[in-house]
């Protein structure tokens, strides 16, 4: 994880990501305690999107991170 010119960059063995503001918000919310539903609620509130849309986006993003071994399930 590295901040480059105001953008958060995260790397894994398979993929590198330059995170958007909302992706960075989700990434920083992944702490081993927050559930996907809770992170979705935070995203919904912050970006004023319906909770179902926010949770779907969180699931999609976290799935990408898992598949590319940037995060791991505990």
N, C-alpha and C. Protein backbone atom coordinates (compact mmCIF):
# COMPACT_ATOMS: atom_id res chain seq x y z
N UNK A 1 0.86 -1.16 0.00
CA UNK A 1 0.00 0.00 0.00
C UNK A 1 0.91 1.23 0.00
N UNK A 2 0.57 2.17 -0.87
CA UNK A 2 1.41 3.35 -1.02
C UNK A 2 0.58 4.51 -1.53
N UNK A 3 0.85 5.69 -1.04
CA UNK A 3 0.17 6.88 -1.52
C UNK A 3 1.06 7.54 -2.56
N UNK A 4 0.52 7.73 -3.76
CA UNK A 4 1.29 8.32 -4.85
C UNK A 4 0.47 9.45 -5.47
N UNK A 5 0.96 10.67 -5.29
CA UNK A 5 0.28 11.85 -5.83
C UNK A 5 -1.18 11.93 -5.40
N UNK A 6 -1.42 11.60 -4.14
CA UNK A 6 -2.77 11.70 -3.61
C UNK A 6 -3.67 10.52 -3.90
N UNK A 7 -3.14 9.51 -4.55
CA UNK A 7 -3.92 8.31 -4.88
C UNK A 7 -3.31 7.13 -4.15
N UNK A 8 -4.19 6.32 -3.54
CA UNK A 8 -3.71 5.13 -2.84
C UNK A 8 -3.50 4.01 -3.84
N UNK A 9 -2.31 3.42 -3.80
CA UNK A 9 -1.96 2.29 -4.64
C UNK A 9 -1.82 1.06 -3.75
N UNK A 10 -2.47 -0.03 -4.13
CA UNK A 10 -2.30 -1.29 -3.39
C UNK A 10 -1.84 -2.35 -4.38
N UNK A 11 -0.99 -3.23 -3.88
CA UNK A 11 -0.41 -4.25 -4.76
C UNK A 11 -0.57 -5.62 -4.14
N UNK A 12 -0.75 -6.57 -5.00
CA UNK A 12 -0.77 -7.97 -4.60
C UNK A 12 0.11 -8.73 -5.57
N UNK A 13 0.21 -10.03 -5.39
CA UNK A 13 1.07 -10.81 -6.28
C UNK A 13 0.53 -10.91 -7.71
N UNK A 14 -0.77 -10.65 -7.89
CA UNK A 14 -1.37 -10.80 -9.22
C UNK A 14 -1.75 -9.48 -9.88
N UNK A 15 -2.05 -8.47 -9.11
CA UNK A 15 -2.64 -7.25 -9.65
C UNK A 15 -2.21 -6.05 -8.81
N UNK A 16 -2.18 -4.89 -9.43
CA UNK A 16 -1.99 -3.62 -8.74
C UNK A 16 -3.23 -2.77 -8.97
N UNK A 17 -3.62 -2.03 -7.95
CA UNK A 17 -4.80 -1.18 -8.05
C UNK A 17 -4.46 0.25 -7.70
N UNK A 18 -4.97 1.18 -8.49
CA UNK A 18 -4.95 2.59 -8.15
C UNK A 18 -6.39 2.88 -7.72
N UNK A 19 -6.58 3.14 -6.44
CA UNK A 19 -7.93 3.21 -5.90
C UNK A 19 -8.58 4.57 -6.10
N UNK A 20 -9.84 4.52 -6.47
CA UNK A 20 -10.65 5.74 -6.51
C UNK A 20 -10.94 6.14 -5.07
N UNK A 21 -11.52 7.30 -4.89
CA UNK A 21 -11.87 7.76 -3.54
C UNK A 21 -12.78 6.77 -2.83
N UNK A 22 -13.81 6.30 -3.52
CA UNK A 22 -14.75 5.37 -2.88
C UNK A 22 -14.09 4.01 -2.62
N UNK A 23 -13.25 3.54 -3.53
CA UNK A 23 -12.54 2.27 -3.32
C UNK A 23 -11.59 2.39 -2.14
N UNK A 24 -10.92 3.53 -2.01
CA UNK A 24 -10.04 3.74 -0.86
C UNK A 24 -10.84 3.73 0.43
N UNK A 25 -12.02 4.36 0.42
CA UNK A 25 -12.88 4.37 1.60
C UNK A 25 -13.24 2.94 2.00
N UNK A 26 -13.62 2.13 1.03
CA UNK A 26 -13.96 0.72 1.31
C UNK A 26 -12.72 0.00 1.82
N UNK A 27 -11.59 0.15 1.13
CA UNK A 27 -10.36 -0.54 1.49
C UNK A 27 -9.96 -0.22 2.93
N UNK A 28 -10.03 1.04 3.30
CA UNK A 28 -9.64 1.44 4.66
C UNK A 28 -10.66 0.97 5.70
N UNK A 29 -11.86 0.63 5.27
CA UNK A 29 -12.89 0.13 6.20
C UNK A 29 -12.74 -1.36 6.48
N UNK A 30 -11.93 -2.04 5.68
CA UNK A 30 -11.70 -3.47 5.87
C UNK A 30 -10.70 -3.61 7.01
N UNK A 31 -11.21 -4.00 8.17
CA UNK A 31 -10.34 -4.07 9.35
C UNK A 31 -10.46 -5.39 10.11
N UNK A 32 -11.18 -6.34 9.56
CA UNK A 32 -11.36 -7.61 10.24
C UNK A 32 -12.50 -7.59 11.23
N UNK A 33 -13.07 -6.43 11.48
CA UNK A 33 -14.20 -6.29 12.41
C UNK A 33 -15.47 -5.87 11.68
N UNK A 34 -15.33 -4.95 10.73
CA UNK A 34 -16.49 -4.48 9.98
C UNK A 34 -17.01 -5.57 9.05
N UNK A 35 -18.32 -5.78 9.06
CA UNK A 35 -18.92 -6.72 8.13
C UNK A 35 -19.12 -6.04 6.78
N UNK A 36 -19.37 -6.83 5.77
CA UNK A 36 -19.67 -6.27 4.45
C UNK A 36 -20.90 -5.39 4.52
N UNK A 37 -21.90 -5.83 5.27
CA UNK A 37 -23.12 -5.04 5.42
C UNK A 37 -22.84 -3.70 6.08
N UNK A 38 -21.98 -3.72 7.10
CA UNK A 38 -21.65 -2.46 7.79
C UNK A 38 -20.87 -1.52 6.86
N UNK A 39 -19.91 -2.07 6.14
CA UNK A 39 -19.15 -1.25 5.19
C UNK A 39 -20.10 -0.69 4.13
N UNK A 40 -21.04 -1.54 3.66
CA UNK A 40 -22.04 -1.06 2.70
C UNK A 40 -22.87 0.08 3.26
N UNK A 41 -23.24 -0.01 4.53
CA UNK A 41 -24.01 1.06 5.16
C UNK A 41 -23.20 2.35 5.23
N UNK A 42 -21.91 2.21 5.54
CA UNK A 42 -21.03 3.39 5.58
C UNK A 42 -20.93 4.04 4.19
N UNK A 43 -20.76 3.20 3.18
CA UNK A 43 -20.67 3.70 1.79
C UNK A 43 -21.98 4.37 1.40
N UNK A 44 -23.09 3.74 1.74
CA UNK A 44 -24.42 4.28 1.42
C UNK A 44 -24.59 5.67 2.01
N UNK A 45 -24.21 5.80 3.26
CA UNK A 45 -24.35 7.09 3.95
C UNK A 45 -23.41 8.14 3.37
N UNK A 46 -22.18 7.77 3.16
CA UNK A 46 -21.16 8.74 2.69
C UNK A 46 -21.43 9.22 1.26
N UNK A 47 -21.83 8.29 0.38
CA UNK A 47 -21.98 8.63 -1.03
C UNK A 47 -23.43 8.74 -1.49
N UNK A 48 -24.35 8.64 -0.52
CA UNK A 48 -25.78 8.84 -0.79
C UNK A 48 -26.29 7.94 -1.91
N UNK A 49 -26.01 6.66 -1.78
CA UNK A 49 -26.53 5.65 -2.71
C UNK A 49 -27.39 4.67 -1.91
N UNK A 50 -28.33 3.99 -2.57
CA UNK A 50 -29.16 3.02 -1.85
C UNK A 50 -28.29 1.93 -1.22
N UNK A 51 -28.66 1.48 -0.02
CA UNK A 51 -27.88 0.46 0.67
C UNK A 51 -27.63 -0.79 -0.17
N UNK A 52 -28.62 -1.24 -0.92
CA UNK A 52 -28.44 -2.45 -1.72
C UNK A 52 -27.36 -2.25 -2.79
N UNK A 53 -27.31 -1.08 -3.37
CA UNK A 53 -26.29 -0.77 -4.38
C UNK A 53 -24.91 -0.72 -3.71
N UNK A 54 -24.85 -0.06 -2.56
CA UNK A 54 -23.57 0.06 -1.85
C UNK A 54 -23.04 -1.30 -1.45
N UNK A 55 -23.88 -2.17 -0.90
CA UNK A 55 -23.44 -3.50 -0.49
C UNK A 55 -22.97 -4.29 -1.71
N UNK A 56 -23.68 -4.19 -2.81
CA UNK A 56 -23.26 -4.87 -4.04
C UNK A 56 -21.91 -4.41 -4.51
N UNK A 57 -21.67 -3.11 -4.45
CA UNK A 57 -20.37 -2.56 -4.85
C UNK A 57 -19.26 -3.04 -3.91
N UNK A 58 -19.56 -3.08 -2.62
CA UNK A 58 -18.57 -3.56 -1.64
C UNK A 58 -18.23 -5.02 -1.90
N UNK A 59 -19.26 -5.83 -2.13
CA UNK A 59 -19.03 -7.26 -2.41
C UNK A 59 -18.16 -7.42 -3.65
N UNK A 60 -18.48 -6.69 -4.70
CA UNK A 60 -17.72 -6.79 -5.95
C UNK A 60 -16.26 -6.39 -5.73
N UNK A 61 -16.03 -5.28 -5.03
CA UNK A 61 -14.68 -4.80 -4.80
C UNK A 61 -13.88 -5.77 -3.93
N UNK A 62 -14.49 -6.23 -2.83
CA UNK A 62 -13.79 -7.15 -1.94
C UNK A 62 -13.51 -8.48 -2.64
N UNK A 63 -14.42 -8.92 -3.48
CA UNK A 63 -14.20 -10.15 -4.26
C UNK A 63 -12.97 -9.99 -5.15
N UNK A 64 -12.85 -8.85 -5.82
CA UNK A 64 -11.67 -8.58 -6.64
C UNK A 64 -10.39 -8.61 -5.80
N UNK A 65 -10.44 -7.99 -4.62
CA UNK A 65 -9.27 -7.98 -3.75
C UNK A 65 -8.90 -9.38 -3.30
N UNK A 66 -9.90 -10.20 -2.97
CA UNK A 66 -9.65 -11.58 -2.56
C UNK A 66 -9.07 -12.40 -3.70
N UNK A 67 -9.66 -12.28 -4.88
CA UNK A 67 -9.19 -13.06 -6.04
C UNK A 67 -7.76 -12.70 -6.40
N UNK A 68 -7.37 -11.46 -6.16
CA UNK A 68 -6.02 -11.02 -6.50
C UNK A 68 -5.08 -11.05 -5.30
N UNK A 69 -5.53 -11.67 -4.23
CA UNK A 69 -4.75 -11.90 -3.00
C UNK A 69 -4.18 -10.63 -2.40
N UNK A 70 -4.99 -9.56 -2.46
CA UNK A 70 -4.60 -8.31 -1.82
C UNK A 70 -5.10 -8.29 -0.38
N UNK A 71 -6.25 -8.93 -0.14
CA UNK A 71 -6.76 -9.13 1.22
C UNK A 71 -7.02 -10.62 1.38
N UNK A 72 -7.18 -11.04 2.62
CA UNK A 72 -7.42 -12.45 2.90
C UNK A 72 -8.54 -12.55 3.92
N UNK A 73 -9.28 -13.63 3.88
CA UNK A 73 -10.32 -13.87 4.87
C UNK A 73 -9.69 -14.38 6.15
N UNK A 74 -10.19 -13.90 7.26
CA UNK A 74 -9.69 -14.34 8.56
C UNK A 74 -10.73 -15.18 9.26
